[in-house]
């Protein structure tokens, strides 16, 4: 009777251990899925930001004249008579 009780306890411990391993494996699988989803979203965000930067760089480096210089705008926008920048 004593030996069978020990074997029963060992079998229960093994079963509990197996359940714990399965729980951890499931948690790891779900975590991996979350990380892969986050990586894909990050990659899409990077692509979008790179396209925006490229667009802004193209606009900034265009040879077109966009009007007055900053100094000219500052001089013409001053409303104080006799005040010079």
PDB file of N, CA and C in Angstrom:
ATOM      1  N   UNK A   1       0.833  -1.190   0.000  1.00  0.00           N
ATOM      2  CA  UNK A   1       0.000   0.000   0.000  1.00  0.00           C
ATOM      3  C   UNK A   1       0.873   1.248   0.000  1.00  0.00           C
ATOM      4  N   UNK A   2       1.965   1.212   0.785  1.00  0.00           N
ATOM      5  CA  UNK A   2       2.850   2.367   0.901  1.00  0.00           C
ATOM      6  C   UNK A   2       3.503   2.705  -0.443  1.00  0.00           C
ATOM      7  N   UNK A   3       3.953   1.677  -1.173  1.00  0.00           N
ATOM      8  CA  UNK A   3       4.611   1.873  -2.468  1.00  0.00           C
ATOM      9  C   UNK A   3       3.628   2.429  -3.484  1.00  0.00           C
ATOM     10  N   UNK A   4       2.413   1.902  -3.470  1.00  0.00           N
ATOM     11  CA  UNK A   4       1.423   2.395  -4.437  1.00  0.00           C
ATOM     12  C   UNK A   4       1.044   3.844  -4.135  1.00  0.00           C
ATOM     13  N   UNK A   5       1.067   4.247  -2.864  1.00  0.00           N
ATOM     14  CA  UNK A   5       0.787   5.644  -2.505  1.00  0.00           C
ATOM     15  C   UNK A   5       1.868   6.577  -3.020  1.00  0.00           C
ATOM     16  N   UNK A   6       3.118   6.127  -2.931  1.00  0.00           N
ATOM     17  CA  UNK A   6       4.238   6.932  -3.437  1.00  0.00           C
ATOM     18  C   UNK A   6       4.137   7.079  -4.954  1.00  0.00           C
ATOM     19  N   UNK A   7       3.844   5.956  -5.620  1.00  0.00           N
ATOM     20  CA  UNK A   7       3.723   5.995  -7.084  1.00  0.00           C
ATOM     21  C   UNK A   7       2.565   6.891  -7.514  1.00  0.00           C
ATOM     22  N   UNK A   8       1.472   6.837  -6.759  1.00  0.00           N
ATOM     23  CA  UNK A   8       0.327   7.690  -7.082  1.00  0.00           C
ATOM     24  C   UNK A   8       0.699   9.164  -6.914  1.00  0.00           C
ATOM     25  N   UNK A   9       1.422   9.478  -5.830  1.00  0.00           N
ATOM     26  CA  UNK A   9       1.845  10.861  -5.594  1.00  0.00           C
ATOM     27  C   UNK A   9       2.802  11.327  -6.706  1.00  0.00           C
ATOM     28  N   UNK A  10       3.724  10.459  -7.098  1.00  0.00           N
ATOM     29  CA  UNK A  10       4.660  10.796  -8.176  1.00  0.00           C
ATOM     30  C   UNK A  10       3.922  11.015  -9.496  1.00  0.00           C
ATOM     31  N   UNK A  11       2.931  10.180  -9.754  1.00  0.00           N
ATOM     32  CA  UNK A  11       2.148  10.324 -10.983  1.00  0.00           C
ATOM     33  C   UNK A  11       1.393  11.649 -10.979  1.00  0.00           C
ATOM     34  N   UNK A  12       0.838  12.025  -9.814  1.00  0.00           N
ATOM     35  CA  UNK A  12       0.133  13.308  -9.713  1.00  0.00           C
ATOM     36  C   UNK A  12       1.086  14.484  -9.914  1.00  0.00           C
ATOM     37  N   UNK A  13       2.277  14.367  -9.335  1.00  0.00           N
ATOM     38  CA  UNK A  13       3.269  15.433  -9.501  1.00  0.00           C
ATOM     39  C   UNK A  13       3.694  15.562 -10.966  1.00  0.00           C
ATOM     40  N   UNK A  14       3.865  14.428 -11.620  1.00  0.00           N
ATOM     41  CA  UNK A  14       4.246  14.447 -13.037  1.00  0.00           C
ATOM     42  C   UNK A  14       3.136  15.073 -13.879  1.00  0.00           C
ATOM     43  N   UNK A  15       1.904  14.724 -13.565  1.00  0.00           N
ATOM     44  CA  UNK A  15       0.761  15.277 -14.297  1.00  0.00           C
ATOM     45  C   UNK A  15       0.680  16.795 -14.095  1.00  0.00           C
ATOM     46  N   UNK A  16       0.887  17.242 -12.862  1.00  0.00           N
ATOM     47  CA  UNK A  16       0.866  18.680 -12.577  1.00  0.00           C
ATOM     48  C   UNK A  16       2.010  19.384 -13.309  1.00  0.00           C
ATOM     49  N   UNK A  17       3.164  18.760 -13.303  1.00  0.00           N
ATOM     50  CA  UNK A  17       4.310  19.321 -14.021  1.00  0.00           C
ATOM     51  C   UNK A  17       4.000  19.452 -15.512  1.00  0.00           C
ATOM     52  N   UNK A  18       3.411  18.411 -16.091  1.00  0.00           N
ATOM     53  CA  UNK A  18       3.065  18.441 -17.517  1.00  0.00           C
ATOM     54  C   UNK A  18       2.065  19.559 -17.820  1.00  0.00           C
ATOM     55  N   UNK A  19       1.087  19.750 -16.936  1.00  0.00           N
ATOM     56  CA  UNK A  19       0.114  20.839 -17.128  1.00  0.00           C
ATOM     57  C   UNK A  19       0.814  22.194 -17.059  1.00  0.00           C
ATOM     58  N   UNK A  20       1.733  22.344 -16.120  1.00  0.00           N
ATOM     59  CA  UNK A  20       2.470  23.606 -15.999  1.00  0.00           C
ATOM     60  C   UNK A  20       3.290  23.894 -17.260  1.00  0.00           C
ATOM     61  N   UNK A  21       3.925  22.852 -17.790  1.00  0.00           N
ATOM     62  CA  UNK A  21       4.705  23.015 -19.023  1.00  0.00           C
ATOM     63  C   UNK A  21       3.783  23.436 -20.166  1.00  0.00           C
ATOM     64  N   UNK A  22       2.629  22.806 -20.283  1.00  0.00           N
ATOM     65  CA  UNK A  22       1.672  23.171 -21.332  1.00  0.00           C
ATOM     66  C   UNK A  22       1.209  24.618 -21.177  1.00  0.00           C
ATOM     67  N   UNK A  23       0.950  25.045 -19.943  1.00  0.00           N
ATOM     68  CA  UNK A  23       0.541  26.434 -19.696  1.00  0.00           C
ATOM     69  C   UNK A  23       1.629  27.415 -20.123  1.00  0.00           C
ATOM     70  N   UNK A  24       2.869  27.085 -19.793  1.00  0.00           N
ATOM     71  CA  UNK A  24       3.985  27.960 -20.173  1.00  0.00           C
ATOM     72  C   UNK A  24       4.143  28.000 -21.690  1.00  0.00           C
ATOM     73  N   UNK A  25       4.026  26.849 -22.330  1.00  0.00           N
ATOM     74  CA  UNK A  25       4.145  26.810 -23.789  1.00  0.00           C
ATOM     75  C   UNK A  25       3.045  27.633 -24.456  1.00  0.00           C
ATOM     76  N   UNK A  26       1.835  27.558 -23.926  1.00  0.00           N
ATOM     77  CA  UNK A  26       0.737  28.355 -24.468  1.00  0.00           C
ATOM     78  C   UNK A  26       1.012  29.842 -24.275  1.00  0.00           C
ATOM     79  N   UNK A  27       1.457  30.211 -23.080  1.00  0.00           N
ATOM     80  CA  UNK A  27       1.780  31.617 -22.808  1.00  0.00           C
ATOM     81  C   UNK A  27       2.880  32.109 -23.744  1.00  0.00           C
ATOM     82  N   UNK A  28       3.909  31.295 -23.958  1.00  0.00           N
ATOM     83  CA  UNK A  28       5.001  31.672 -24.861  1.00  0.00           C
ATOM     84  C   UNK A  28       4.506  31.844 -26.294  1.00  0.00           C
ATOM     85  N   UNK A  29       3.631  30.954 -26.740  1.00  0.00           N
ATOM     86  CA  UNK A  29       3.072  31.055 -28.087  1.00  0.00           C
ATOM     87  C   UNK A  29       2.296  32.364 -28.241  1.00  0.00           C
ATOM     88  N   UNK A  30       1.448  32.672 -27.257  1.00  0.00           N
ATOM     89  CA  UNK A  30       0.659  33.907 -27.325  1.00  0.00           C
ATOM     90  C   UNK A  30       1.559  35.136 -27.287  1.00  0.00           C
ATOM     91  N   UNK A  31       2.576  35.101 -26.459  1.00  0.00           N
ATOM     92  CA  UNK A  31       3.522  36.224 -26.361  1.00  0.00           C
ATOM     93  C   UNK A  31       4.257  36.417 -27.681  1.00  0.00           C
ATOM     94  N   UNK A  32       4.654  35.312 -28.301  1.00  0.00           N
ATOM     95  CA  UNK A  32       5.339  35.392 -29.600  1.00  0.00           C
ATOM     96  C   UNK A  32       4.430  36.027 -30.646  1.00  0.00           C
ATOM     97  N   UNK A  33       3.166  35.625 -30.647  1.00  0.00           N
ATOM     98  CA  UNK A  33       2.212  36.208 -31.598  1.00  0.00           C
ATOM     99  C   UNK A  33       2.091  37.716 -31.369  1.00  0.00           C
ATOM    100  N   UNK A  34       1.975  38.135 -30.123  1.00  0.00           N
ATOM    101  CA  UNK A  34       1.880  39.564 -29.801  1.00  0.00           C
ATOM    102  C   UNK A  34       3.120  40.316 -30.276  1.00  0.00           C
ATOM    103  N   UNK A  35       4.286  39.737 -30.056  1.00  0.00           N
ATOM    104  CA  UNK A  35       5.529  40.384 -30.480  1.00  0.00           C
ATOM    105  C   UNK A  35       5.627  40.468 -32.000  1.00  0.00           C
ATOM    106  N   UNK A  36       5.215  39.423 -32.692  1.00  0.00           N
ATOM    107  CA  UNK A  36       5.236  39.451 -34.155  1.00  0.00           C
ATOM    108  C   UNK A  36       4.267  40.500 -34.694  1.00  0.00           C
ATOM    109  N   UNK A  37       3.094  40.611 -34.082  1.00  0.00           N
ATOM    110  CA  UNK A  37       2.136  41.647 -34.483  1.00  0.00           C
ATOM    111  C   UNK A  37       2.711  43.036 -34.249  1.00  0.00           C
ATOM    112  N   UNK A  38       3.361  43.222 -33.120  1.00  0.00           N
ATOM    113  CA  UNK A  38       3.974  44.518 -32.808  1.00  0.00           C
ATOM    114  C   UNK A  38       5.089  44.845 -33.792  1.00  0.00           C
ATOM    115  N   UNK A  39       5.872  43.853 -34.160  1.00  0.00           N
ATOM    116  CA  UNK A  39       6.949  44.063 -35.123  1.00  0.00           C
ATOM    117  C   UNK A  39       6.391  44.464 -36.486  1.00  0.00           C
ATOM    118  N   UNK A  40       5.327  43.821 -36.913  1.00  0.00           N
ATOM    119  CA  UNK A  40       4.714  44.174 -38.194  1.00  0.00           C
ATOM    120  C   UNK A  40       4.166  45.593 -38.162  1.00  0.00           C
ATOM    121  N   UNK A  41       3.528  45.988 -37.064  1.00  0.00           N
ATOM    122  CA  UNK A  41       3.008  47.348 -36.938  1.00  0.00           C
ATOM    123  C   UNK A  41       4.157  48.351 -36.935  1.00  0.00           C
ATOM    124  N   UNK A  42       5.230  48.032 -36.226  1.00  0.00           N
ATOM    125  CA  UNK A  42       6.400  48.906 -36.193  1.00  0.00           C
ATOM    126  C   UNK A  42       6.970  49.086 -37.596  1.00  0.00           C
ATOM    127  N   UNK A  43       7.060  48.002 -38.346  1.00  0.00           N
ATOM    128  CA  UNK A  43       7.589  48.063 -39.707  1.00  0.00           C
ATOM    129  C   UNK A  43       6.710  48.947 -40.594  1.00  0.00           C
ATOM    130  N   UNK A  44       5.398  48.823 -40.453  1.00  0.00           N
ATOM    131  CA  UNK A  44       4.488  49.686 -41.227  1.00  0.00           C
ATOM    132  C   UNK A  44       4.667  51.146 -40.834  1.00  0.00           C
ATOM    133  N   UNK A  45       4.805  51.404 -39.534  1.00  0.00           N
ATOM    134  CA  UNK A  45       5.008  52.776 -39.056  1.00  0.00           C
ATOM    135  C   UNK A  45       6.310  53.358 -39.599  1.00  0.00           C
ATOM    136  N   UNK A  46       7.372  52.559 -39.598  1.00  0.00           N
ATOM    137  CA  UNK A  46       8.664  53.024 -40.119  1.00  0.00           C
ATOM    138  C   UNK A  46       8.540  53.355 -41.601  1.00  0.00           C
ATOM    139  N   UNK A  47       7.884  52.501 -42.363  1.00  0.00           N
ATOM    140  CA  UNK A  47       7.695  52.769 -43.791  1.00  0.00           C
ATOM    141  C   UNK A  47       6.944  54.075 -44.011  1.00  0.00           C
ATOM    142  N   UNK A  48       5.909  54.292 -43.222  1.00  0.00           N
ATOM    143  CA  UNK A  48       5.115  55.511 -43.344  1.00  0.00           C
ATOM    144  C   UNK A  48       5.949  56.746 -42.995  1.00  0.00           C
ATOM    145  N   UNK A  49       6.720  56.661 -41.940  1.00  0.00           N
ATOM    146  CA  UNK A  49       7.554  57.795 -41.522  1.00  0.00           C
ATOM    147  C   UNK A  49       8.652  58.063 -42.544  1.00  0.00           C
ATOM    148  N   UNK A  50       9.259  57.009 -43.078  1.00  0.00           N
ATOM    149  CA  UNK A  50      10.294  57.202 -44.095  1.00  0.00           C
ATOM    150  C   UNK A  50       9.722  57.871 -45.337  1.00  0.00           C
ATOM    151  N   UNK A  51       8.519  57.493 -45.740  1.00  0.00           N
ATOM    152  CA  UNK A  51       7.879  58.130 -46.892  1.00  0.00           C
ATOM    153  C   UNK A  51       7.610  59.601 -46.604  1.00  0.00           C
ATOM    154  N   UNK A  52       7.154  59.908 -45.389  1.00  0.00           N
ATOM    155  CA  UNK A  52       6.892  61.302 -45.005  1.00  0.00           C
ATOM    156  C   UNK A  52       8.184  62.115 -45.025  1.00  0.00           C
ATOM    157  N   UNK A  53       9.260  61.555 -44.473  1.00  0.00           N
ATOM    158  CA  UNK A  53      10.553  62.246 -44.460  1.00  0.00           C
ATOM    159  C   UNK A  53      11.044  62.482 -45.886  1.00  0.00           C
ATOM    160  N   UNK A  54      10.925  61.477 -46.721  1.00  0.00           N
ATOM    161  CA  UNK A  54      11.355  61.612 -48.114  1.00  0.00           C
ATOM    162  C   UNK A  54      10.584  62.723 -48.814  1.00  0.00           C
ATOM    163  N   UNK A  55       9.286  62.769 -48.564  1.00  0.00           N
ATOM    164  CA  UNK A  55       8.448  63.823 -49.157  1.00  0.00           C
ATOM    165  C   UNK A  55       8.901  65.199 -48.672  1.00  0.00           C
ATOM    166  N   UNK A  56       9.141  65.329 -47.374  1.00  0.00           N
ATOM    167  CA  UNK A  56       9.554  66.624 -46.816  1.00  0.00           C
ATOM    168  C   UNK A  56      10.947  67.015 -47.307  1.00  0.00           C
ATOM    169  N   UNK A  57      11.860  66.053 -47.421  1.00  0.00           N
ATOM    170  CA  UNK A  57      13.194  66.356 -47.939  1.00  0.00           C
ATOM    171  C   UNK A  57      13.120  66.818 -49.387  1.00  0.00           C
ATOM    172  N   UNK A  58      12.259  66.180 -50.160  1.00  0.00           N
ATOM    173  CA  UNK A  58      12.097  66.581 -51.558  1.00  0.00           C
ATOM    174  C   UNK A  58      11.584  68.012 -51.635  1.00  0.00           C
ATOM    175  N   UNK A  59      10.614  68.338 -50.801  1.00  0.00           N
ATOM    176  CA  UNK A  59      10.076  69.701 -50.776  1.00  0.00           C
ATOM    177  C   UNK A  59      11.147  70.688 -50.339  1.00  0.00           C
ATOM    178  N   UNK A  60      11.931  70.325 -49.354  1.00  0.00           N
ATOM    179  CA  UNK A  60      12.957  71.228 -48.821  1.00  0.00           C
ATOM    180  C   UNK A  60      14.102  71.442 -49.799  1.00  0.00           C
ATOM    181  N   UNK A  61      14.363  70.477 -50.651  1.00  0.00           N
ATOM    182  CA  UNK A  61      15.486  70.595 -51.577  1.00  0.00           C
ATOM    183  C   UNK A  61      15.066  71.005 -52.975  1.00  0.00           C
ATOM    184  N   UNK A  62      13.782  71.248 -53.186  1.00  0.00           N
ATOM    185  CA  UNK A  62      13.333  71.738 -54.492  1.00  0.00           C
ATOM    186  C   UNK A  62      14.018  73.060 -54.797  1.00  0.00           C
ATOM    187  N   UNK A  63      14.286  73.297 -56.068  1.00  0.00           N
ATOM    188  CA  UNK A  63      14.959  74.521 -56.481  1.00  0.00           C
ATOM    189  C   UNK A  63      13.993  75.691 -56.638  1.00  0.00           C
ATOM    190  N   UNK A  64      12.746  75.476 -56.357  1.00  0.00           N
ATOM    191  CA  UNK A  64      11.767  76.551 -56.512  1.00  0.00           C
ATOM    192  C   UNK A  64      11.991  77.634 -55.471  1.00  0.00           C
ATOM    193  N   UNK A  65      11.641  78.861 -55.840  1.00  0.00           N
ATOM    194  CA  UNK A  65      11.736  79.994 -54.918  1.00  0.00           C
ATOM    195  C   UNK A  65      10.401  80.104 -54.200  1.00  0.00           C
ATOM    196  N   UNK A  66      10.454  80.053 -52.877  1.00  0.00           N
ATOM    197  CA  UNK A  66       9.225  80.115 -52.100  1.00  0.00           C
ATOM    198  C   UNK A  66       8.949  81.511 -51.573  1.00  0.00           C
ATOM    199  N   UNK A  67       9.610  82.514 -52.091  1.00  0.00           N
ATOM    200  CA  UNK A  67       9.310  83.875 -51.676  1.00  0.00           C
ATOM    201  C   UNK A  67      10.439  84.497 -50.894  1.00  0.00           C
ATOM    202  N   UNK A  68      10.077  85.419 -50.042  1.00  0.00           N
ATOM    203  CA  UNK A  68      11.047  86.206 -49.291  1.00  0.00           C
ATOM    204  C   UNK A  68      11.864  85.355 -48.326  1.00  0.00           C
ATOM    205  N   UNK A  69      13.033  85.875 -48.014  1.00  0.00           N
ATOM    206  CA  UNK A  69      13.876  85.238 -47.008  1.00  0.00           C
ATOM    207  C   UNK A  69      13.316  85.549 -45.626  1.00  0.00           C
ATOM    208  N   UNK A  70      13.808  84.868 -44.628  1.00  0.00           N
ATOM    209  CA  UNK A  70      13.361  85.101 -43.261  1.00  0.00           C
ATOM    210  C   UNK A  70      13.636  86.540 -42.851  1.00  0.00           C
ATOM    211  N   UNK A  71      14.813  87.049 -43.194  1.00  0.00           N
ATOM    212  CA  UNK A  71      15.153  88.431 -42.825  1.00  0.00           C
ATOM    213  C   UNK A  71      14.186  89.418 -43.467  1.00  0.00           C
ATOM    214  N   UNK A  72      13.822  89.205 -44.727  1.00  0.00           N
ATOM    215  CA  UNK A  72      12.893  90.107 -45.407  1.00  0.00           C
ATOM    216  C   UNK A  72      11.521  90.062 -44.752  1.00  0.00           C
ATOM    217  N   UNK A  73      11.090  88.891 -44.350  1.00  0.00           N
ATOM    218  CA  UNK A  73       9.791  88.762 -43.686  1.00  0.00           C
ATOM    219  C   UNK A  73       9.827  89.455 -42.335  1.00  0.00           C
ATOM    220  N   UNK A  74      10.906  89.317 -41.605  1.00  0.00           N
ATOM    221  CA  UNK A  74      11.012  89.960 -40.294  1.00  0.00           C
ATOM    222  C   UNK A  74      10.977  91.473 -40.430  1.00  0.00           C
ATOM    223  N   UNK A  75      11.639  92.013 -41.428  1.00  0.00           N
ATOM    224  CA  UNK A  75      11.668  93.468 -41.619  1.00  0.00           C
ATOM    225  C   UNK A  75      10.291  93.978 -41.991  1.00  0.00           C
ATOM    226  N   UNK A  76       9.602  93.301 -42.899  1.00  0.00           N
ATOM    227  CA  UNK A  76       8.300  93.791 -43.352  1.00  0.00           C
ATOM    228  C   UNK A  76       7.202  93.541 -42.333  1.00  0.00           C
ATOM    229  N   UNK A  77       7.397  92.587 -41.420  1.00  0.00           N
ATOM    230  CA  UNK A  77       6.333  92.295 -40.461  1.00  0.00           C
ATOM    231  C   UNK A  77       6.425  93.151 -39.207  1.00  0.00           C
ATOM    232  N   UNK A  78       7.478  93.908 -39.030  1.00  0.00           N
ATOM    233  CA  UNK A  78       7.627  94.741 -37.840  1.00  0.00           C
ATOM    234  C   UNK A  78       6.696  95.940 -37.940  1.00  0.00           C
ATOM    235  N   UNK A  79       5.887  96.137 -36.938  1.00  0.00           N
ATOM    236  CA  UNK A  79       4.916  97.237 -36.969  1.00  0.00           C
ATOM    237  C   UNK A  79       5.336  98.404 -36.093  1.00  0.00           C
ATOM    238  N   UNK A  80       6.555  98.365 -35.568  1.00  0.00           N
ATOM    239  CA  UNK A  80       7.023  99.447 -34.698  1.00  0.00           C
ATOM    240  C   UNK A  80       7.747 100.487 -35.550  1.00  0.00           C
ATOM    241  N   UNK A  81       7.237 101.732 -35.628  1.00  0.00           N
ATOM    242  CA  UNK A  81       7.922 102.749 -36.422  1.00  0.00           C
ATOM    243  C   UNK A  81       9.291 103.049 -35.827  1.00  0.00           C
ATOM    244  N   UNK A  82      10.266 103.136 -36.700  1.00  0.00           N
ATOM    245  CA  UNK A  82      11.607 103.449 -36.258  1.00  0.00           C
ATOM    246  C   UNK A  82      12.354 102.266 -35.681  1.00  0.00           C
ATOM    247  N   UNK A  83      11.749 101.071 -35.685  1.00  0.00           N
ATOM    248  CA  UNK A  83      12.393  99.882 -35.124  1.00  0.00           C
ATOM    249  C   UNK A  83      13.012  99.076 -36.253  1.00  0.00           C
ATOM    250  N   UNK A  84      14.274  98.755 -36.115  1.00  0.00           N
ATOM    251  CA  UNK A  84      14.962  97.977 -37.141  1.00  0.00           C
ATOM    252  C   UNK A  84      15.534  96.713 -36.512  1.00  0.00           C
ATOM    253  N   UNK A  85      15.505  95.652 -37.272  1.00  0.00           N
ATOM    254  CA  UNK A  85      16.051  94.382 -36.785  1.00  0.00           C
ATOM    255  C   UNK A  85      17.539  94.328 -36.988  1.00  0.00           C
TER     256      UNK A  85
END
